[in-house]
């Protein structure tokens, strides 16, 4: 090994520490701010831990309907991810295995959905959901979220299913397996890393979704977590520690989801792109 190859990468190390600071500092600020009192928030040093930490902000968050908003977010996220993954997996299987021109056209139309910005559809969605009697309901958030999540989910799953050897499909077909059997016994187990990856991605997108919840719902009982932050904004002031406590609590479910699926998530990051 040459002397040059053993030189420490100082520039890379500095860049790594800078990037680590960019990630850690905001998280640190959110956590320590959630432990402050509202009275001393503007007088204390914002980057130092509070001298008298308290959980009053967390208690206030729970008292103001946080569990209701959490339940609504869980319902919206689980329903959206379940339908999106199920429909997208079946669509990816048909697109990859079918030789009909309709499959290629359908895939092209799905890819065109990636070019449609969410903001451009909010007025038509508001009109259609109002006419359908779904305005101010959780379905008003779930249905558009599914529509916008399907294109990218199908794209990822199609690229992964294409990497499954054709011999495995032919072997199961020779054994007399039908399409549903092949999908459940072959495609689903082998595509599990990609499924977990898109499920976590879709869940994170829906969990943090704000525009659909803001425009398509109105009553407090149908609020989701991003809208719950409004309950800490008064006419003349904002309860910053309360908002930070709500942010910390709303992050915990997604963090738990990532911890549970991190192995599959890492293995699925590059799934389907080897060819």
C-alpha atoms as a PDB file:
ATOM      1  CA  UNK A   1       0.000   0.000   0.000  1.00  0.00           C
ATOM      2  CA  UNK A   2       1.472   3.335  -1.040  1.00  0.00           C
ATOM      3  CA  UNK A   3       1.929   6.285   1.256  1.00  0.00           C
ATOM      4  CA  UNK A   4      -0.501   8.326  -0.828  1.00  0.00           C
ATOM      5  CA  UNK A   5      -3.303   5.791  -0.414  1.00  0.00           C
ATOM      6  CA  UNK A   6      -2.865   5.864   3.384  1.00  0.00           C
ATOM      7  CA  UNK A   7      -3.294   9.623   3.669  1.00  0.00           C
ATOM      8  CA  UNK A   8      -6.362  10.583   5.683  1.00  0.00           C
ATOM      9  CA  UNK A   9      -9.192  12.110   3.694  1.00  0.00           C
ATOM     10  CA  UNK A  10      -9.370  15.385   5.615  1.00  0.00           C
ATOM     11  CA  UNK A  11     -11.773  17.037   3.188  1.00  0.00           C
ATOM     12  CA  UNK A  12     -14.122  14.068   3.306  1.00  0.00           C
ATOM     13  CA  UNK A  13     -13.991  13.977   7.108  1.00  0.00           C
ATOM     14  CA  UNK A  14     -14.793  17.688   7.356  1.00  0.00           C
ATOM     15  CA  UNK A  15     -17.648  17.306   4.907  1.00  0.00           C
ATOM     16  CA  UNK A  16     -18.973  14.346   6.892  1.00  0.00           C
ATOM     17  CA  UNK A  17     -18.915  16.267  10.169  1.00  0.00           C
ATOM     18  CA  UNK A  18     -20.620  19.262   8.527  1.00  0.00           C
ATOM     19  CA  UNK A  19     -23.358  17.025   7.136  1.00  0.00           C
ATOM     20  CA  UNK A  20     -23.737  15.341  10.535  1.00  0.00           C
ATOM     21  CA  UNK A  21     -24.149  18.758  12.159  1.00  0.00           C
ATOM     22  CA  UNK A  22     -26.760  19.744   9.581  1.00  0.00           C
ATOM     23  CA  UNK A  23     -28.784  16.670  10.566  1.00  0.00           C
ATOM     24  CA  UNK A  24     -28.171  16.604  14.322  1.00  0.00           C
ATOM     25  CA  UNK A  25     -28.549  20.300  15.206  1.00  0.00           C
ATOM     26  CA  UNK A  26     -32.208  20.628  14.132  1.00  0.00           C
ATOM     27  CA  UNK A  27     -33.123  17.407  15.953  1.00  0.00           C
ATOM     28  CA  UNK A  28     -31.288  18.608  19.055  1.00  0.00           C
ATOM     29  CA  UNK A  29     -33.058  21.981  18.875  1.00  0.00           C
ATOM     30  CA  UNK A  30     -36.501  20.384  18.563  1.00  0.00           C
ATOM     31  CA  UNK A  31     -35.942  18.057  21.525  1.00  0.00           C
ATOM     32  CA  UNK A  32     -34.521  20.625  23.946  1.00  0.00           C
ATOM     33  CA  UNK A  33     -37.146  23.204  22.953  1.00  0.00           C
ATOM     34  CA  UNK A  34     -39.935  20.744  23.720  1.00  0.00           C
ATOM     35  CA  UNK A  35     -38.545  20.535  27.280  1.00  0.00           C
ATOM     36  CA  UNK A  36     -38.694  24.315  27.869  1.00  0.00           C
ATOM     37  CA  UNK A  37     -41.422  26.389  29.450  1.00  0.00           C
ATOM     38  CA  UNK A  38     -43.318  28.794  27.246  1.00  0.00           C
ATOM     39  CA  UNK A  39     -42.640  31.645  29.685  1.00  0.00           C
ATOM     40  CA  UNK A  40     -38.859  31.490  29.352  1.00  0.00           C
ATOM     41  CA  UNK A  41     -38.575  30.456  25.728  1.00  0.00           C
ATOM     42  CA  UNK A  42     -37.688  33.893  24.347  1.00  0.00           C
ATOM     43  CA  UNK A  43     -35.277  34.797  27.160  1.00  0.00           C
ATOM     44  CA  UNK A  44     -33.224  31.573  27.370  1.00  0.00           C
ATOM     45  CA  UNK A  45     -30.321  30.661  25.126  1.00  0.00           C
ATOM     46  CA  UNK A  46     -31.926  28.624  22.340  1.00  0.00           C
ATOM     47  CA  UNK A  47     -28.969  26.267  21.845  1.00  0.00           C
ATOM     48  CA  UNK A  48     -28.389  25.396  25.502  1.00  0.00           C
ATOM     49  CA  UNK A  49     -30.413  22.746  27.342  1.00  0.00           C
ATOM     50  CA  UNK A  50     -33.043  24.234  29.678  1.00  0.00           C
ATOM     51  CA  UNK A  51     -31.950  24.693  33.276  1.00  0.00           C
ATOM     52  CA  UNK A  52     -35.297  23.349  34.514  1.00  0.00           C
ATOM     53  CA  UNK A  53     -36.573  20.862  31.921  1.00  0.00           C
ATOM     54  CA  UNK A  54     -40.264  20.050  32.071  1.00  0.00           C
ATOM     55  CA  UNK A  55     -42.776  17.787  30.347  1.00  0.00           C
ATOM     56  CA  UNK A  56     -45.567  20.351  30.533  1.00  0.00           C
ATOM     57  CA  UNK A  57     -45.599  20.771  26.749  1.00  0.00           C
ATOM     58  CA  UNK A  58     -46.092  17.038  26.244  1.00  0.00           C
ATOM     59  CA  UNK A  59     -48.957  17.007  28.740  1.00  0.00           C
ATOM     60  CA  UNK A  60     -50.512  19.978  26.944  1.00  0.00           C
ATOM     61  CA  UNK A  61     -50.212  18.210  23.610  1.00  0.00           C
ATOM     62  CA  UNK A  62     -51.997  15.129  24.949  1.00  0.00           C
ATOM     63  CA  UNK A  63     -54.740  17.263  26.484  1.00  0.00           C
ATOM     64  CA  UNK A  64     -55.495  18.993  23.176  1.00  0.00           C
ATOM     65  CA  UNK A  65     -56.591  15.915  21.265  1.00  0.00           C
ATOM     66  CA  UNK A  66     -53.252  14.578  20.113  1.00  0.00           C
ATOM     67  CA  UNK A  67     -54.411  10.964  20.389  1.00  0.00           C
ATOM     68  CA  UNK A  68     -57.408  11.717  18.125  1.00  0.00           C
ATOM     69  CA  UNK A  69     -55.161  13.300  15.506  1.00  0.00           C
ATOM     70  CA  UNK A  70     -52.708  10.412  15.863  1.00  0.00           C
ATOM     71  CA  UNK A  71     -55.490   7.901  15.263  1.00  0.00           C
ATOM     72  CA  UNK A  72     -56.659   9.776  12.170  1.00  0.00           C
ATOM     73  CA  UNK A  73     -53.118   9.868  10.779  1.00  0.00           C
ATOM     74  CA  UNK A  74     -52.681   6.145  11.424  1.00  0.00           C
ATOM     75  CA  UNK A  75     -55.961   5.351   9.641  1.00  0.00           C
ATOM     76  CA  UNK A  76     -55.088   7.524   6.641  1.00  0.00           C
ATOM     77  CA  UNK A  77     -51.523   6.211   6.395  1.00  0.00           C
ATOM     78  CA  UNK A  78     -52.319   2.512   6.836  1.00  0.00           C
ATOM     79  CA  UNK A  79     -55.255   2.607   4.405  1.00  0.00           C
ATOM     80  CA  UNK A  80     -53.282   4.520   1.785  1.00  0.00           C
ATOM     81  CA  UNK A  81     -50.182   2.334   2.006  1.00  0.00           C
ATOM     82  CA  UNK A  82     -52.139  -0.944   2.034  1.00  0.00           C
ATOM     83  CA  UNK A  83     -54.206  -0.101  -1.048  1.00  0.00           C
ATOM     84  CA  UNK A  84     -51.273   1.498  -2.878  1.00  0.00           C
ATOM     85  CA  UNK A  85     -48.902  -1.423  -2.352  1.00  0.00           C
ATOM     86  CA  UNK A  86     -51.538  -4.053  -3.216  1.00  0.00           C
ATOM     87  CA  UNK A  87     -52.656  -2.312  -6.414  1.00  0.00           C
ATOM     88  CA  UNK A  88     -49.116  -1.399  -7.455  1.00  0.00           C
ATOM     89  CA  UNK A  89     -47.769  -4.925  -6.959  1.00  0.00           C
ATOM     90  CA  UNK A  90     -50.523  -6.397  -9.113  1.00  0.00           C
ATOM     91  CA  UNK A  91     -50.006  -3.692 -11.735  1.00  0.00           C
ATOM     92  CA  UNK A  92     -46.243  -4.262 -11.767  1.00  0.00           C
ATOM     93  CA  UNK A  93     -46.764  -8.016 -12.219  1.00  0.00           C
ATOM     94  CA  UNK A  94     -49.097  -7.502 -15.178  1.00  0.00           C
ATOM     95  CA  UNK A  95     -46.856  -4.873 -16.785  1.00  0.00           C
ATOM     96  CA  UNK A  96     -43.799  -7.129 -16.580  1.00  0.00           C
ATOM     97  CA  UNK A  97     -45.400 -10.446 -17.541  1.00  0.00           C
ATOM     98  CA  UNK A  98     -48.036  -9.361 -20.043  1.00  0.00           C
ATOM     99  CA  UNK A  99     -47.187  -9.147 -23.754  1.00  0.00           C
ATOM    100  CA  UNK A 100     -50.233  -7.075 -24.647  1.00  0.00           C
ATOM    101  CA  UNK A 101     -49.863  -3.510 -25.841  1.00  0.00           C
ATOM    102  CA  UNK A 102     -52.373  -2.356 -23.236  1.00  0.00           C
ATOM    103  CA  UNK A 103     -49.868  -3.163 -20.479  1.00  0.00           C
ATOM    104  CA  UNK A 104     -47.234  -0.917 -22.051  1.00  0.00           C
ATOM    105  CA  UNK A 105     -49.742   1.876 -22.597  1.00  0.00           C
ATOM    106  CA  UNK A 106     -50.947   1.581 -18.997  1.00  0.00           C
ATOM    107  CA  UNK A 107     -47.378   1.815 -17.713  1.00  0.00           C
ATOM    108  CA  UNK A 108     -46.776   4.918 -19.843  1.00  0.00           C
ATOM    109  CA  UNK A 109     -49.923   6.559 -18.489  1.00  0.00           C
ATOM    110  CA  UNK A 110     -48.842   5.769 -14.931  1.00  0.00           C
ATOM    111  CA  UNK A 111     -45.453   7.341 -15.555  1.00  0.00           C
ATOM    112  CA  UNK A 112     -47.182  10.464 -16.860  1.00  0.00           C
ATOM    113  CA  UNK A 113     -48.739  10.773 -13.408  1.00  0.00           C
ATOM    114  CA  UNK A 114     -45.289  11.570 -12.013  1.00  0.00           C
ATOM    115  CA  UNK A 115     -45.287  14.815 -13.990  1.00  0.00           C
ATOM    116  CA  UNK A 116     -48.568  16.102 -12.512  1.00  0.00           C
ATOM    117  CA  UNK A 117     -47.950  18.404  -9.543  1.00  0.00           C
ATOM    118  CA  UNK A 118     -50.152  17.887  -6.532  1.00  0.00           C
ATOM    119  CA  UNK A 119     -50.993  21.592  -6.259  1.00  0.00           C
ATOM    120  CA  UNK A 120     -52.443  21.653  -9.785  1.00  0.00           C
ATOM    121  CA  UNK A 121     -55.136  19.117  -8.884  1.00  0.00           C
ATOM    122  CA  UNK A 122     -56.350  20.481  -5.568  1.00  0.00           C
ATOM    123  CA  UNK A 123     -59.225  22.562  -7.026  1.00  0.00           C
ATOM    124  CA  UNK A 124     -60.636  19.731  -9.224  1.00  0.00           C
ATOM    125  CA  UNK A 125     -60.259  17.332  -6.307  1.00  0.00           C
ATOM    126  CA  UNK A 126     -62.122  19.708  -4.015  1.00  0.00           C
ATOM    127  CA  UNK A 127     -64.950  19.997  -6.538  1.00  0.00           C
ATOM    128  CA  UNK A 128     -65.238  16.249  -7.224  1.00  0.00           C
ATOM    129  CA  UNK A 129     -65.066  15.209  -3.573  1.00  0.00           C
ATOM    130  CA  UNK A 130     -67.634  17.837  -2.613  1.00  0.00           C
ATOM    131  CA  UNK A 131     -70.025  16.586  -5.308  1.00  0.00           C
ATOM    132  CA  UNK A 132     -69.447  12.999  -4.151  1.00  0.00           C
ATOM    133  CA  UNK A 133     -70.251  13.925  -0.539  1.00  0.00           C
ATOM    134  CA  UNK A 134     -66.793  12.981   0.688  1.00  0.00           C
ATOM    135  CA  UNK A 135     -65.595  16.442   1.670  1.00  0.00           C
ATOM    136  CA  UNK A 136     -64.467  16.755   5.300  1.00  0.00           C
ATOM    137  CA  UNK A 137     -63.862  13.035   5.757  1.00  0.00           C
ATOM    138  CA  UNK A 138     -60.807  10.843   6.018  1.00  0.00           C
ATOM    139  CA  UNK A 139     -61.647   9.355   2.616  1.00  0.00           C
ATOM    140  CA  UNK A 140     -61.102  12.802   1.141  1.00  0.00           C
ATOM    141  CA  UNK A 141     -57.439  12.460   2.164  1.00  0.00           C
ATOM    142  CA  UNK A 142     -57.031   8.734   1.491  1.00  0.00           C
ATOM    143  CA  UNK A 143     -58.286   8.595  -2.105  1.00  0.00           C
ATOM    144  CA  UNK A 144     -56.097  11.395  -3.569  1.00  0.00           C
ATOM    145  CA  UNK A 145     -53.111  10.136  -1.573  1.00  0.00           C
ATOM    146  CA  UNK A 146     -53.515   6.714  -3.181  1.00  0.00           C
ATOM    147  CA  UNK A 147     -53.728   8.261  -6.632  1.00  0.00           C
ATOM    148  CA  UNK A 148     -50.503  10.211  -6.209  1.00  0.00           C
ATOM    149  CA  UNK A 149     -48.623   7.338  -4.533  1.00  0.00           C
ATOM    150  CA  UNK A 150     -49.353   4.673  -7.147  1.00  0.00           C
ATOM    151  CA  UNK A 151     -47.159   5.959 -10.053  1.00  0.00           C
ATOM    152  CA  UNK A 152     -43.842   6.047  -8.173  1.00  0.00           C
ATOM    153  CA  UNK A 153     -44.691   2.805  -6.354  1.00  0.00           C
ATOM    154  CA  UNK A 154     -45.418   1.003  -9.627  1.00  0.00           C
ATOM    155  CA  UNK A 155     -42.201   2.345 -11.148  1.00  0.00           C
ATOM    156  CA  UNK A 156     -40.069   0.933  -8.326  1.00  0.00           C
ATOM    157  CA  UNK A 157     -41.862  -2.425  -8.222  1.00  0.00           C
ATOM    158  CA  UNK A 158     -41.761  -2.865 -12.008  1.00  0.00           C
ATOM    159  CA  UNK A 159     -37.993  -2.464 -12.045  1.00  0.00           C
ATOM    160  CA  UNK A 160     -37.674  -5.010  -9.251  1.00  0.00           C
ATOM    161  CA  UNK A 161     -40.069  -7.598 -10.696  1.00  0.00           C
ATOM    162  CA  UNK A 162     -38.156  -7.438 -13.990  1.00  0.00           C
ATOM    163  CA  UNK A 163     -35.071  -8.722 -12.180  1.00  0.00           C
ATOM    164  CA  UNK A 164     -36.821 -11.919 -11.088  1.00  0.00           C
ATOM    165  CA  UNK A 165     -35.483 -14.709 -13.346  1.00  0.00           C
ATOM    166  CA  UNK A 166     -37.940 -15.776 -16.031  1.00  0.00           C
ATOM    167  CA  UNK A 167     -37.079 -19.406 -15.329  1.00  0.00           C
ATOM    168  CA  UNK A 168     -38.843 -19.162 -11.972  1.00  0.00           C
ATOM    169  CA  UNK A 169     -42.035 -17.988 -13.632  1.00  0.00           C
ATOM    170  CA  UNK A 170     -41.856 -20.723 -16.222  1.00  0.00           C
ATOM    171  CA  UNK A 171     -41.180 -23.361 -13.556  1.00  0.00           C
ATOM    172  CA  UNK A 172     -44.279 -22.418 -11.607  1.00  0.00           C
ATOM    173  CA  UNK A 173     -46.339 -22.261 -14.778  1.00  0.00           C
ATOM    174  CA  UNK A 174     -45.212 -25.787 -15.707  1.00  0.00           C
ATOM    175  CA  UNK A 175     -46.278 -26.949 -12.251  1.00  0.00           C
ATOM    176  CA  UNK A 176     -49.779 -25.707 -13.027  1.00  0.00           C
ATOM    177  CA  UNK A 177     -49.759 -22.528 -10.931  1.00  0.00           C
ATOM    178  CA  UNK A 178     -52.119 -19.771 -11.956  1.00  0.00           C
ATOM    179  CA  UNK A 179     -51.401 -16.054 -12.051  1.00  0.00           C
ATOM    180  CA  UNK A 180     -52.604 -15.423  -8.496  1.00  0.00           C
ATOM    181  CA  UNK A 181     -50.536 -18.317  -7.187  1.00  0.00           C
ATOM    182  CA  UNK A 182     -47.419 -17.029  -8.951  1.00  0.00           C
ATOM    183  CA  UNK A 183     -48.036 -13.534  -7.613  1.00  0.00           C
ATOM    184  CA  UNK A 184     -48.481 -14.692  -4.021  1.00  0.00           C
ATOM    185  CA  UNK A 185     -45.913 -17.505  -3.835  1.00  0.00           C
ATOM    186  CA  UNK A 186     -43.156 -16.122  -6.069  1.00  0.00           C
ATOM    187  CA  UNK A 187     -43.381 -12.385  -6.689  1.00  0.00           C
ATOM    188  CA  UNK A 188     -44.487 -11.316  -3.230  1.00  0.00           C
ATOM    189  CA  UNK A 189     -41.687 -13.106  -1.274  1.00  0.00           C
ATOM    190  CA  UNK A 190     -38.940 -12.061  -3.693  1.00  0.00           C
ATOM    191  CA  UNK A 191     -40.212  -8.481  -3.909  1.00  0.00           C
ATOM    192  CA  UNK A 192     -40.437  -8.053  -0.146  1.00  0.00           C
ATOM    193  CA  UNK A 193     -37.420  -5.685   0.134  1.00  0.00           C
ATOM    194  CA  UNK A 194     -38.863  -3.415  -2.555  1.00  0.00           C
ATOM    195  CA  UNK A 195     -42.328  -3.611  -0.987  1.00  0.00           C
ATOM    196  CA  UNK A 196     -40.976  -2.534   2.393  1.00  0.00           C
ATOM    197  CA  UNK A 197     -39.045   0.282   0.740  1.00  0.00           C
ATOM    198  CA  UNK A 198     -42.049   1.731  -1.080  1.00  0.00           C
ATOM    199  CA  UNK A 199     -44.272   1.172   1.963  1.00  0.00           C
ATOM    200  CA  UNK A 200     -41.962   3.214   4.189  1.00  0.00           C
ATOM    201  CA  UNK A 201     -41.588   5.900   1.529  1.00  0.00           C
ATOM    202  CA  UNK A 202     -45.341   6.149   0.935  1.00  0.00           C
ATOM    203  CA  UNK A 203     -46.065   6.102   4.668  1.00  0.00           C
ATOM    204  CA  UNK A 204     -43.635   8.947   5.281  1.00  0.00           C
ATOM    205  CA  UNK A 205     -45.143  10.988   2.441  1.00  0.00           C
ATOM    206  CA  UNK A 206     -48.725  10.496   3.609  1.00  0.00           C
ATOM    207  CA  UNK A 207     -47.861  10.946   7.292  1.00  0.00           C
ATOM    208  CA  UNK A 208     -46.376  14.377   6.583  1.00  0.00           C
ATOM    209  CA  UNK A 209     -49.030  15.360   4.035  1.00  0.00           C
ATOM    210  CA  UNK A 210     -50.470  18.799   4.736  1.00  0.00           C
ATOM    211  CA  UNK A 211     -52.192  20.203   1.634  1.00  0.00           C
ATOM    212  CA  UNK A 212     -54.890  17.538   1.248  1.00  0.00           C
ATOM    213  CA  UNK A 213     -55.718  17.682   4.951  1.00  0.00           C
ATOM    214  CA  UNK A 214     -55.823  21.491   4.897  1.00  0.00           C
ATOM    215  CA  UNK A 215     -58.095  21.889   1.867  1.00  0.00           C
ATOM    216  CA  UNK A 216     -60.209  18.733   1.938  1.00  0.00           C
ATOM    217  CA  UNK A 217     -61.089  18.587   5.649  1.00  0.00           C
ATOM    218  CA  UNK A 218     -62.522  21.156   8.008  1.00  0.00           C
ATOM    219  CA  UNK A 219     -63.861  19.734  11.278  1.00  0.00           C
ATOM    220  CA  UNK A 220     -61.490  19.126  14.238  1.00  0.00           C
ATOM    221  CA  UNK A 221     -62.464  15.442  14.498  1.00  0.00           C
ATOM    222  CA  UNK A 222     -61.031  14.819  11.015  1.00  0.00           C
ATOM    223  CA  UNK A 223     -57.727  16.576  11.564  1.00  0.00           C
ATOM    224  CA  UNK A 224     -54.456  14.727  11.120  1.00  0.00           C
ATOM    225  CA  UNK A 225     -51.158  15.380  12.871  1.00  0.00           C
ATOM    226  CA  UNK A 226     -49.750  18.078  10.525  1.00  0.00           C
ATOM    227  CA  UNK A 227     -52.904  20.145  11.120  1.00  0.00           C
ATOM    228  CA  UNK A 228     -52.791  19.563  14.871  1.00  0.00           C
ATOM    229  CA  UNK A 229     -49.880  21.995  15.095  1.00  0.00           C
ATOM    230  CA  UNK A 230     -52.380  24.782  14.489  1.00  0.00           C
ATOM    231  CA  UNK A 231     -53.911  24.193  17.909  1.00  0.00           C
ATOM    232  CA  UNK A 232     -50.802  25.746  19.481  1.00  0.00           C
ATOM    233  CA  UNK A 233     -51.053  28.964  17.480  1.00  0.00           C
ATOM    234  CA  UNK A 234     -52.990  31.728  19.194  1.00  0.00           C
ATOM    235  CA  UNK A 235     -54.123  35.105  17.913  1.00  0.00           C
ATOM    236  CA  UNK A 236     -51.055  36.978  19.158  1.00  0.00           C
ATOM    237  CA  UNK A 237     -48.495  34.311  20.053  1.00  0.00           C
ATOM    238  CA  UNK A 238     -47.309  30.811  19.263  1.00  0.00           C
ATOM    239  CA  UNK A 239     -46.565  28.099  21.810  1.00  0.00           C
ATOM    240  CA  UNK A 240     -43.236  27.016  20.323  1.00  0.00           C
ATOM    241  CA  UNK A 241     -42.418  24.365  22.993  1.00  0.00           C
ATOM    242  CA  UNK A 242     -45.880  22.886  22.465  1.00  0.00           C
ATOM    243  CA  UNK A 243     -45.339  22.697  18.714  1.00  0.00           C
ATOM    244  CA  UNK A 244     -41.953  21.047  19.213  1.00  0.00           C
ATOM    245  CA  UNK A 245     -43.436  18.520  21.631  1.00  0.00           C
ATOM    246  CA  UNK A 246     -46.106  17.671  19.060  1.00  0.00           C
ATOM    247  CA  UNK A 247     -43.409  17.271  16.405  1.00  0.00           C
ATOM    248  CA  UNK A 248     -41.443  14.880  18.632  1.00  0.00           C
ATOM    249  CA  UNK A 249     -44.517  12.764  19.402  1.00  0.00           C
ATOM    250  CA  UNK A 250     -45.632  12.672  15.762  1.00  0.00           C
ATOM    251  CA  UNK A 251     -42.163  11.499  14.701  1.00  0.00           C
ATOM    252  CA  UNK A 252     -42.085   8.484  17.018  1.00  0.00           C
ATOM    253  CA  UNK A 253     -44.436   6.203  14.970  1.00  0.00           C
ATOM    254  CA  UNK A 254     -42.453   6.763  11.757  1.00  0.00           C
ATOM    255  CA  UNK A 255     -39.202   6.200  13.659  1.00  0.00           C
ATOM    256  CA  UNK A 256     -40.573   2.916  15.010  1.00  0.00           C
ATOM    257  CA  UNK A 257     -41.625   1.902  11.490  1.00  0.00           C
ATOM    258  CA  UNK A 258     -38.140   2.606  10.198  1.00  0.00           C
ATOM    259  CA  UNK A 259     -36.503   0.622  13.006  1.00  0.00           C
ATOM    260  CA  UNK A 260     -38.734  -2.385  12.325  1.00  0.00           C
ATOM    261  CA  UNK A 261     -38.145  -2.346   8.574  1.00  0.00           C
ATOM    262  CA  UNK A 262     -34.626  -0.963   8.343  1.00  0.00           C
ATOM    263  CA  UNK A 263     -33.028  -4.205   7.127  1.00  0.00           C
ATOM    264  CA  UNK A 264     -35.516  -4.674   4.329  1.00  0.00           C
ATOM    265  CA  UNK A 265     -35.373  -0.951   3.591  1.00  0.00           C
ATOM    266  CA  UNK A 266     -31.597  -0.899   3.128  1.00  0.00           C
ATOM    267  CA  UNK A 267     -31.624  -4.009   0.950  1.00  0.00           C
ATOM    268  CA  UNK A 268     -34.424  -2.568  -1.156  1.00  0.00           C
ATOM    269  CA  UNK A 269     -32.817   0.813  -1.782  1.00  0.00           C
ATOM    270  CA  UNK A 270     -31.067  -0.523  -4.899  1.00  0.00           C
ATOM    271  CA  UNK A 271     -33.546  -3.315  -5.590  1.00  0.00           C
ATOM    272  CA  UNK A 272     -34.606  -3.637  -9.195  1.00  0.00           C
ATOM    273  CA  UNK A 273     -31.900  -1.488 -10.733  1.00  0.00           C
ATOM    274  CA  UNK A 274     -29.188  -4.057 -11.399  1.00  0.00           C
ATOM    275  CA  UNK A 275     -30.084  -4.426 -15.053  1.00  0.00           C
END
